[in-house]
Protein backbone atom coordinates (compact mmCIF):
# COMPACT_ATOMS: atom_id res chain seq x y z
CA MET A 1 -13.32 -23.58 -23.66
CA ALA A 2 -11.97 -26.54 -25.63
CA MET A 3 -11.34 -25.88 -29.31
CA ASN A 4 -9.38 -27.13 -32.27
CA VAL A 5 -6.66 -24.59 -33.05
CA GLY A 6 -5.08 -24.63 -36.49
CA TYR A 7 -1.38 -23.80 -36.51
CA TYR A 8 0.62 -23.12 -39.66
CA PHE A 9 4.34 -23.75 -39.23
CA HIS A 10 6.18 -21.45 -41.63
CA VAL A 11 9.32 -23.61 -41.63
CA ALA A 12 9.13 -26.90 -43.53
CA ALA A 13 8.59 -30.15 -41.62
CA VAL A 14 9.61 -33.72 -42.32
CA PHE A 15 6.61 -36.04 -42.68
CA ASP A 16 6.80 -39.75 -41.84
CA ASP A 17 3.60 -41.77 -42.33
CA GLY A 18 1.43 -38.71 -41.80
CA VAL A 19 3.31 -37.54 -38.69
CA ALA A 20 5.33 -34.32 -38.77
CA ARG A 21 8.85 -34.09 -37.38
CA ILE A 22 10.08 -30.63 -36.38
CA PRO A 23 12.83 -29.21 -34.12
CA SER A 24 12.13 -29.75 -30.44
CA HIS A 25 12.02 -26.04 -29.56
CA TYR A 26 9.07 -25.64 -31.94
CA ALA A 27 7.42 -28.91 -30.92
CA MET A 28 7.24 -27.81 -27.27
CA PHE A 29 5.02 -24.89 -28.22
CA VAL A 30 2.73 -27.02 -30.41
CA ARG A 31 2.29 -29.59 -27.64
CA GLY A 32 1.57 -26.85 -25.12
CA LEU A 33 -0.99 -25.35 -27.49
CA ALA A 34 -2.74 -28.71 -27.84
CA ALA A 35 -2.69 -29.33 -24.09
CA HIS A 36 -4.30 -25.99 -23.25
CA ALA A 37 -6.66 -25.60 -26.22
CA GLY A 38 -7.86 -29.19 -26.49
CA SER A 39 -6.46 -30.12 -29.90
CA VAL A 40 -4.28 -28.75 -32.69
CA THR A 41 -4.36 -29.23 -36.45
CA PHE A 42 -0.75 -28.71 -37.47
CA TYR A 43 -0.15 -27.50 -41.03
CA ALA A 44 3.24 -27.44 -42.73
CA HIS A 45 4.90 -27.95 -46.06
CA SER A 46 7.30 -30.84 -46.38
CA ALA A 47 11.03 -30.94 -47.07
CA ALA A 48 13.96 -33.31 -46.68
CA GLY A 49 15.07 -31.60 -43.47
CA ASP A 50 18.48 -30.65 -42.12
CA GLY A 51 18.83 -33.06 -39.19
CA THR A 52 17.29 -30.86 -36.50
CA GLU A 53 13.80 -32.32 -36.92
CA THR A 54 14.03 -34.73 -34.00
CA ASP A 55 10.58 -34.40 -32.44
CA ARG A 56 7.56 -36.32 -33.77
CA LEU A 57 4.15 -34.74 -33.25
CA GLU A 58 2.35 -38.04 -32.70
CA GLU A 59 0.11 -37.13 -29.75
CA PRO A 60 -3.57 -38.09 -30.22
CA ASN A 61 -4.69 -34.46 -29.84
CA ILE A 62 -2.39 -33.24 -32.64
CA ARG A 63 -3.36 -33.89 -36.25
CA CYS A 64 -0.67 -33.23 -38.87
CA VAL A 65 -1.58 -32.02 -42.37
CA ASN A 66 1.05 -32.09 -45.11
CA LEU A 67 0.44 -29.18 -47.49
CA GLY A 68 2.84 -30.59 -50.05
CA CYS A 69 6.44 -29.94 -50.98
CA ARG A 70 7.79 -26.58 -49.84
CA ARG A 71 8.58 -24.54 -52.93
CA ASN A 72 11.09 -21.71 -53.20
CA ALA A 73 10.28 -18.19 -52.03
CA PRO A 74 9.58 -16.61 -55.47
CA PHE A 75 7.13 -19.41 -56.26
CA ARG A 76 5.33 -18.92 -52.93
CA VAL A 77 5.10 -15.15 -53.43
CA PHE A 78 3.91 -15.07 -57.04
CA LEU A 79 1.88 -18.32 -57.14
CA PRO A 80 0.68 -18.84 -53.55
CA ALA A 81 -2.52 -20.68 -54.50
CA LEU A 82 -0.50 -23.64 -55.80
CA SER A 83 1.03 -24.09 -52.33
CA LEU A 84 -2.34 -23.92 -50.57
CA ARG A 85 -4.39 -26.49 -52.48
CA SER A 86 -4.59 -28.75 -49.41
CA PHE A 87 -5.25 -25.94 -46.94
CA ARG A 88 -8.92 -26.33 -45.94
CA PRO A 89 -9.30 -25.30 -42.29
CA ARG A 90 -13.10 -25.61 -42.19
CA ARG A 91 -12.98 -29.11 -43.68
CA ASP A 92 -10.42 -30.02 -41.00
CA GLY A 93 -12.70 -28.81 -38.20
CA VAL A 94 -10.51 -25.87 -37.20
CA ASP A 95 -12.19 -23.31 -34.91
CA ALA A 96 -9.45 -20.66 -35.09
CA MET A 97 -6.21 -20.43 -37.03
CA ILE A 98 -2.75 -19.15 -36.03
CA VAL A 99 -0.49 -18.39 -39.00
CA ARG A 100 3.13 -18.26 -37.91
CA SER A 101 4.74 -15.51 -39.98
CA PRO A 102 6.46 -14.01 -41.88
CA THR A 103 5.57 -16.28 -44.77
CA PRO A 104 4.84 -15.36 -48.40
CA LEU A 105 1.69 -17.49 -48.05
CA MET A 106 0.20 -15.35 -45.28
CA ALA A 107 -2.23 -13.34 -47.43
CA GLY A 108 -3.45 -16.47 -49.22
CA MET A 109 -4.00 -18.29 -45.93
CA ILE A 110 -5.93 -15.34 -44.51
CA ARG A 111 -8.19 -15.26 -47.58
CA ARG A 112 -8.82 -19.00 -47.35
CA CYS A 113 -9.66 -18.76 -43.64
CA LYS A 114 -12.07 -15.89 -44.23
CA SER A 115 -13.80 -17.73 -47.07
CA ASP A 116 -14.14 -20.75 -44.75
CA GLY A 117 -15.48 -18.60 -41.92
CA VAL A 118 -12.52 -19.46 -39.67
CA ALA A 119 -11.04 -16.78 -37.41
CA VAL A 120 -7.34 -16.20 -38.10
CA LEU A 121 -4.49 -14.61 -36.15
CA PRO A 122 -1.15 -13.91 -37.90
CA MET A 123 1.70 -14.27 -35.38
CA PHE A 124 4.94 -12.54 -36.40
CA VAL A 125 8.13 -14.09 -35.07
CA ALA A 126 10.69 -12.13 -37.12
CA ASP A 127 11.18 -8.67 -38.60
CA LEU A 128 12.18 -8.89 -42.26
CA ARG A 129 13.13 -5.21 -42.28
CA LYS A 130 16.22 -6.25 -40.29
CA TRP A 131 17.49 -8.60 -43.00
CA ARG A 132 21.22 -8.19 -43.65
CA PRO A 133 23.42 -9.50 -46.50
CA SER A 134 25.68 -12.46 -45.76
CA ARG A 135 29.14 -13.29 -47.09
CA SER A 136 28.04 -16.94 -47.22
CA MET A 137 25.19 -16.22 -49.65
CA PRO A 138 25.59 -15.86 -53.44
CA ARG A 139 25.89 -12.27 -54.63
CA TRP A 140 22.71 -12.51 -56.68
CA ARG A 141 20.74 -13.50 -53.56
CA ASN A 142 22.15 -10.64 -51.49
CA ALA A 143 21.22 -8.25 -54.29
CA LEU A 144 17.74 -9.67 -54.87
CA MET A 145 16.52 -10.17 -51.30
CA PRO A 146 16.05 -6.49 -50.28
CA TRP A 147 14.09 -5.69 -53.43
CA PHE A 148 12.16 -8.94 -53.30
CA PHE A 149 10.89 -8.48 -49.76
CA ALA A 150 10.51 -4.70 -49.92
CA LYS A 151 8.37 -4.78 -53.04
CA ARG A 152 6.27 -7.84 -52.37
CA HIS A 153 6.39 -9.48 -48.98
CA LEU A 154 6.83 -6.40 -46.78
CA ALA A 155 3.96 -4.65 -48.54
CA GLN A 156 1.79 -7.66 -47.73
CA ILE A 157 2.83 -7.58 -44.08
CA GLU A 158 2.10 -3.85 -43.91
CA ARG A 159 -1.48 -4.35 -45.12
CA VAL A 160 -2.13 -7.19 -42.69
CA ILE A 161 -0.76 -5.37 -39.63
CA ARG A 162 -2.81 -2.26 -40.37
CA THR A 163 -6.11 -3.96 -41.18
CA MET A 164 -6.61 -6.88 -38.78
CA PRO A 165 -5.69 -8.18 -35.31
CA THR A 166 -2.21 -9.66 -35.16
CA ALA A 167 0.34 -10.82 -32.60
CA ALA A 168 4.11 -10.36 -32.56
CA ILE A 169 6.94 -11.48 -30.31
CA SER A 170 8.21 -7.91 -29.92
CA ARG A 171 6.61 -4.47 -29.90
CA ALA A 172 9.50 -3.30 -32.08
CA ILE A 173 8.09 -5.37 -34.96
CA TYR A 174 5.12 -2.99 -35.04
CA GLU A 175 7.31 0.12 -35.25
CA GLY A 176 6.81 2.03 -38.47
CA HIS A 177 3.42 0.44 -39.13
CA GLU A 178 1.42 3.02 -37.13
CA VAL A 179 0.07 0.26 -34.91
CA PHE A 180 0.19 1.09 -31.22
CA ASP A 181 -2.00 -1.58 -29.67
CA GLY A 182 -0.54 -4.72 -31.21
CA ASN A 183 -0.64 -7.92 -29.18
CA VAL A 184 2.81 -8.80 -27.87
CA VAL A 185 3.34 -12.49 -27.13
CA PHE A 186 6.42 -14.61 -26.52
CA THR A 187 7.66 -18.14 -27.00
CA ALA A 188 9.90 -20.14 -24.67
CA THR A 189 11.38 -23.61 -24.36
CA VAL A 190 12.09 -23.49 -20.64
CA THR A 191 9.33 -25.13 -18.61
CA ASP A 192 8.06 -24.48 -15.10
CA ALA A 193 9.82 -27.69 -14.04
CA ASP A 194 13.14 -26.45 -15.50
CA LEU A 195 12.90 -23.23 -13.51
CA ALA A 196 12.13 -25.13 -10.33
CA ARG A 197 15.27 -27.16 -10.95
CA PHE A 198 17.55 -24.14 -11.38
CA GLY A 199 15.77 -21.73 -9.05
CA THR A 200 17.75 -22.67 -5.94
CA GLN A 201 21.14 -22.90 -7.66
CA ARG A 202 23.76 -20.19 -7.54
CA PRO A 203 25.62 -18.95 -10.62
CA ARG A 204 28.66 -21.21 -11.14
CA TRP A 205 31.04 -18.28 -11.13
CA PRO A 206 34.01 -18.34 -11.11
CA GLU A 207 34.48 -21.99 -10.10
CA GLY A 208 37.85 -23.42 -11.02
CA LEU A 209 39.07 -20.44 -13.00
CA GLY A 210 42.79 -19.89 -12.83
CA ALA A 211 43.45 -23.52 -11.92
CA ASN A 212 43.23 -26.16 -14.63
CA GLN A 213 39.96 -24.95 -16.10
CA PRO A 214 39.74 -22.30 -18.83
CA LEU A 215 37.03 -19.69 -19.02
CA ARG A 216 34.20 -21.31 -20.96
CA LEU A 217 32.25 -19.17 -23.39
CA LEU A 218 29.11 -20.62 -24.94
CA PHE A 219 27.16 -19.88 -28.10
CA THR A 220 23.95 -21.76 -28.89
CA GLY A 221 21.62 -21.41 -31.84
CA ARG A 222 21.75 -21.32 -35.61
CA PHE A 223 25.21 -21.14 -37.16
CA ALA A 224 24.64 -18.03 -39.25
CA GLU A 225 26.78 -14.99 -39.98
CA GLU A 226 24.13 -12.60 -38.64
CA LYS A 227 24.54 -14.17 -35.20
CA GLY A 228 27.95 -12.49 -34.95
CA LEU A 229 30.01 -15.67 -35.10
CA PHE A 230 32.91 -14.14 -37.03
CA GLU A 231 33.22 -11.33 -34.47
CA LEU A 232 33.18 -13.99 -31.76
CA VAL A 233 36.18 -15.73 -33.36
CA ASP A 234 38.04 -12.40 -33.51
CA ALA A 235 37.21 -11.76 -29.84
CA LEU A 236 38.54 -15.21 -28.95
CA ARG A 237 41.86 -14.29 -30.56
CA LEU A 238 41.97 -10.96 -28.69
CA LEU A 239 41.31 -12.69 -25.37
CA ARG A 240 44.02 -15.27 -25.91
CA ASP A 241 46.48 -12.60 -27.03
CA SER A 242 45.80 -10.74 -23.76
CA GLY A 243 46.58 -13.84 -21.70
CA VAL A 244 43.07 -15.11 -20.92
CA ASP A 245 42.82 -18.91 -20.89
CA VAL A 246 39.54 -19.27 -22.76
CA GLU A 247 37.63 -21.68 -24.95
CA LEU A 248 34.45 -21.31 -26.98
CA GLU A 249 31.83 -24.01 -27.47
CA LEU A 250 29.37 -23.76 -30.35
CA VAL A 251 26.15 -25.70 -29.87
CA GLY A 252 23.64 -25.49 -32.69
CA TYR A 253 22.93 -26.31 -36.27
CA ALA A 254 24.18 -25.20 -39.66
CA SER A 255 22.19 -23.29 -42.24
CA ALA A 256 22.13 -24.43 -45.84
CA ASP A 257 25.04 -22.11 -46.64
CA ARG A 258 28.77 -22.38 -45.88
CA THR A 259 28.81 -20.29 -42.71
CA ILE A 260 30.21 -22.92 -40.36
CA GLY A 261 32.85 -24.05 -42.86
CA ASN A 262 33.94 -20.47 -43.46
CA LEU A 263 33.97 -19.82 -39.72
CA LEU A 264 36.27 -22.74 -38.96
CA GLU A 265 38.60 -21.73 -41.78
CA ASP A 266 38.69 -18.22 -40.31
CA ALA A 267 39.45 -19.61 -36.84
CA THR A 268 42.28 -21.73 -38.23
CA ALA A 269 43.79 -18.75 -40.04
CA LYS A 270 43.70 -16.71 -36.83
CA GLY A 271 45.20 -19.47 -34.69
CA VAL A 272 42.24 -20.12 -32.40
CA ARG A 273 40.73 -23.27 -33.88
CA ASP A 274 42.20 -25.30 -31.00
CA ALA A 275 40.21 -23.15 -28.54
CA MET A 276 36.89 -23.96 -30.22
CA VAL A 277 34.60 -26.94 -29.67
CA VAL A 278 31.83 -27.50 -32.22
CA THR A 279 29.30 -29.73 -30.50
CA GLY A 280 26.55 -29.44 -33.07
CA PHE A 281 22.83 -29.72 -32.58
CA ILE A 282 21.27 -30.65 -29.22
CA PRO A 283 17.45 -30.68 -28.94
CA ALA A 284 15.83 -28.25 -26.53
CA GLY A 285 15.39 -29.72 -23.09
CA PRO A 286 17.50 -30.98 -20.17
CA SER A 287 20.54 -31.99 -22.27
CA LEU A 288 20.77 -28.54 -23.81
CA LEU A 289 20.22 -26.76 -20.50
CA SER A 290 23.07 -28.75 -18.99
CA LYS A 291 25.38 -27.18 -21.59
CA TYR A 292 24.54 -23.76 -20.19
CA ARG A 293 25.31 -24.96 -16.68
CA ASP A 294 28.72 -26.25 -17.81
CA ALA A 295 29.72 -22.84 -19.24
CA HIS A 296 30.64 -19.57 -17.53
CA ILE A 297 29.39 -16.86 -19.93
CA TYR A 298 26.84 -16.98 -22.73
CA VAL A 299 27.74 -14.74 -25.69
CA LEU A 300 25.41 -13.80 -28.55
CA PRO A 301 26.76 -10.86 -30.62
CA THR A 302 23.74 -10.98 -32.92
CA HIS A 303 23.00 -8.44 -35.65
CA ALA A 304 19.20 -8.76 -35.73
CA GLU A 305 16.44 -10.60 -33.85
CA GLY A 306 12.66 -10.54 -33.76
CA SER A 307 12.66 -10.39 -29.96
CA VAL A 308 14.76 -11.70 -27.09
CA PRO A 309 16.08 -14.93 -28.65
CA ARG A 310 15.11 -18.32 -27.29
CA THR A 311 18.74 -19.04 -26.45
CA ILE A 312 19.08 -15.96 -24.24
CA LYS A 313 16.00 -17.04 -22.29
CA GLU A 314 17.53 -20.49 -21.85
CA ALA A 315 20.82 -19.03 -20.64
CA LEU A 316 19.12 -16.69 -18.18
CA SER A 317 16.99 -19.51 -16.80
CA THR A 318 20.17 -21.34 -15.74
CA ARG A 319 21.60 -18.34 -13.87
CA MET A 320 24.53 -17.49 -16.09
CA PRO A 321 25.73 -14.00 -17.11
CA ILE A 322 25.18 -13.09 -20.75
CA ILE A 323 26.81 -10.73 -23.23
CA THR A 324 24.78 -9.63 -26.23
CA THR A 325 24.22 -6.70 -28.56
CA GLY A 326 21.85 -3.99 -27.38
CA ILE A 327 19.73 -4.04 -30.54
CA PRO A 328 16.18 -2.63 -30.15
CA HIS A 329 14.41 -6.00 -30.14
CA ILE A 330 16.53 -7.11 -27.17
CA ALA A 331 16.91 -3.77 -25.37
CA GLU A 332 13.11 -3.51 -25.37
CA TYR A 333 13.10 -6.16 -22.64
CA LEU A 334 16.57 -6.39 -21.08
CA THR A 335 18.62 -3.62 -19.46
CA HIS A 336 22.36 -3.10 -19.74
CA GLU A 337 24.21 -4.10 -16.55
CA GLN A 338 20.98 -5.47 -15.09
CA GLU A 339 20.04 -8.69 -16.90
CA ALA A 340 22.87 -8.56 -19.46
CA LEU A 341 25.95 -6.72 -20.62
CA PHE A 342 25.27 -4.97 -23.92
CA ILE A 343 27.96 -4.53 -26.55
CA GLU A 344 28.24 -2.74 -29.88
CA MET A 345 27.38 -4.68 -33.01
CA ASN A 346 30.25 -5.91 -35.21
CA SER A 347 32.83 -5.24 -32.49
CA PRO A 348 35.21 -8.04 -31.43
CA VAL A 349 36.93 -5.55 -29.10
CA ALA A 350 33.64 -4.89 -27.30
CA ILE A 351 33.06 -8.63 -26.84
CA ALA A 352 36.55 -9.17 -25.42
CA ASP A 353 36.26 -6.14 -23.12
CA ALA A 354 32.90 -7.34 -21.77
CA VAL A 355 34.33 -10.80 -21.03
CA LYS A 356 37.30 -9.29 -19.21
CA ARG A 357 34.98 -6.99 -17.26
CA LEU A 358 32.99 -9.95 -15.95
CA LEU A 359 36.22 -11.76 -15.11
CA ALA A 360 37.42 -8.80 -13.07
CA ASP A 361 34.11 -8.12 -11.30
CA GLU A 362 32.63 -11.21 -9.66
CA GLU A 363 29.89 -9.17 -7.99
CA LEU A 364 28.71 -7.83 -11.35
CA ALA A 365 28.76 -11.31 -12.89
CA ARG A 366 26.63 -12.75 -10.10
CA SER A 367 24.26 -9.78 -10.12
CA VAL A 368 23.65 -10.04 -13.87
CA ALA A 369 23.05 -13.78 -13.55
CA ASP A 370 20.60 -13.36 -10.64
CA ARG A 371 18.66 -10.50 -12.24
CA GLY A 372 18.52 -12.38 -15.52
CA PHE A 373 17.04 -15.40 -13.80
CA GLU A 374 14.38 -13.28 -12.13
CA TRP A 375 13.43 -11.89 -15.55
CA ALA A 376 13.37 -15.32 -17.25
CA ARG A 377 11.31 -17.04 -14.56
CA HIS A 378 8.17 -15.31 -15.85
CA LEU A 379 8.67 -16.58 -19.42
CA THR A 380 8.07 -20.31 -19.42
CA ASN A 381 6.61 -22.44 -22.19
CA GLU A 382 3.38 -22.89 -20.24
CA ARG A 383 2.91 -19.16 -19.76
CA SER A 384 3.70 -18.40 -23.40
CA VAL A 385 1.02 -20.81 -24.62
CA ARG A 386 -1.60 -19.35 -22.30
CA ARG A 387 -0.74 -15.83 -23.47
CA VAL A 388 -1.10 -16.75 -27.17
CA LEU A 389 -4.45 -18.44 -26.54
CA ASP A 390 -5.67 -15.43 -24.55
CA VAL A 391 -4.79 -13.15 -27.48
CA LEU A 392 -6.49 -15.53 -29.91
CA GLN A 393 -9.71 -15.59 -27.91
CA GLN A 394 -9.80 -11.87 -27.13
CA SER A 395 -8.80 -10.63 -30.59
CA VAL A 396 -10.48 -12.83 -33.17
CA LEU A 397 -13.10 -15.05 -31.48
């Protein structure tokens, strides 16, 4: 059944002549939604952007609505109506609305949809209970954030999850809310065509190692402290001190804080800056996937995630072994020594030991890569869109 799906993007977009620009890994989902549903009305607040907004949503079946300048979090929590003046889903011909959350505007958007007679499905893509302080943030922000979200935003999320149909990218997000039949969905940037391309390839392990080629570790994603980047630098030093010829490539984008600057200063102080390559942002798609194929091991020592991160799915889809922390939102789906090697959080020693274990056991490295690919092949962008639309139709229509 063709319908016009409204989709609120909780991260700000850049608007050019009425067309929204957003990062490619988000744009792929919006385009898939429009292709399968019929059309999409894309809602977002506007901002200057950070350079990752490379994809223009200019397809004829996607209409972009600028809700105005994105205001700071306290403003959106305490005065949400001022940020929703242009949000009129019924006027825009929306049949059903997906609100990507968490956002302080969620409750206000739900009320507006209900008053307009438009079905609405909040879709949670992160768990704010897992927020952790950062050394790159001002002290006042680290002190304020737990209280701010615990007292206001988390209470709002609690009410929504308990009183209406929702979707989330991990069952762990529902834990503690006494909800046992929540709708679990997923998002992915790897397409069916990408999997067909890599499906017949073998893991490139350990080609060229010990000759003139160092062991190549890869990190992709947002350059943020909670991704475990400082532990990764310490692990790099431990590996080099133990005689491993290794280099680390960082592919991603910087947050608004000083994380990447602090990280490079830390690497310089520890004598491993020469073993690091900072490539920067590459949009999701073939160019990014080729980076995975050029590396030997993908490492993500993350502290908190809403589900299995997009970057892990990308790495697994290219048949490479991965090392990551066994936090609940990842361990819910992946198994230690099956699709990944799990390590302790905040442990450079554990990272280095896992790398050396894969180096010493080629059979394990290939097995992890093969099993990971088999897991990832069921999680393509096309399948994720169909799953979200199925939940939308079954739960709220």
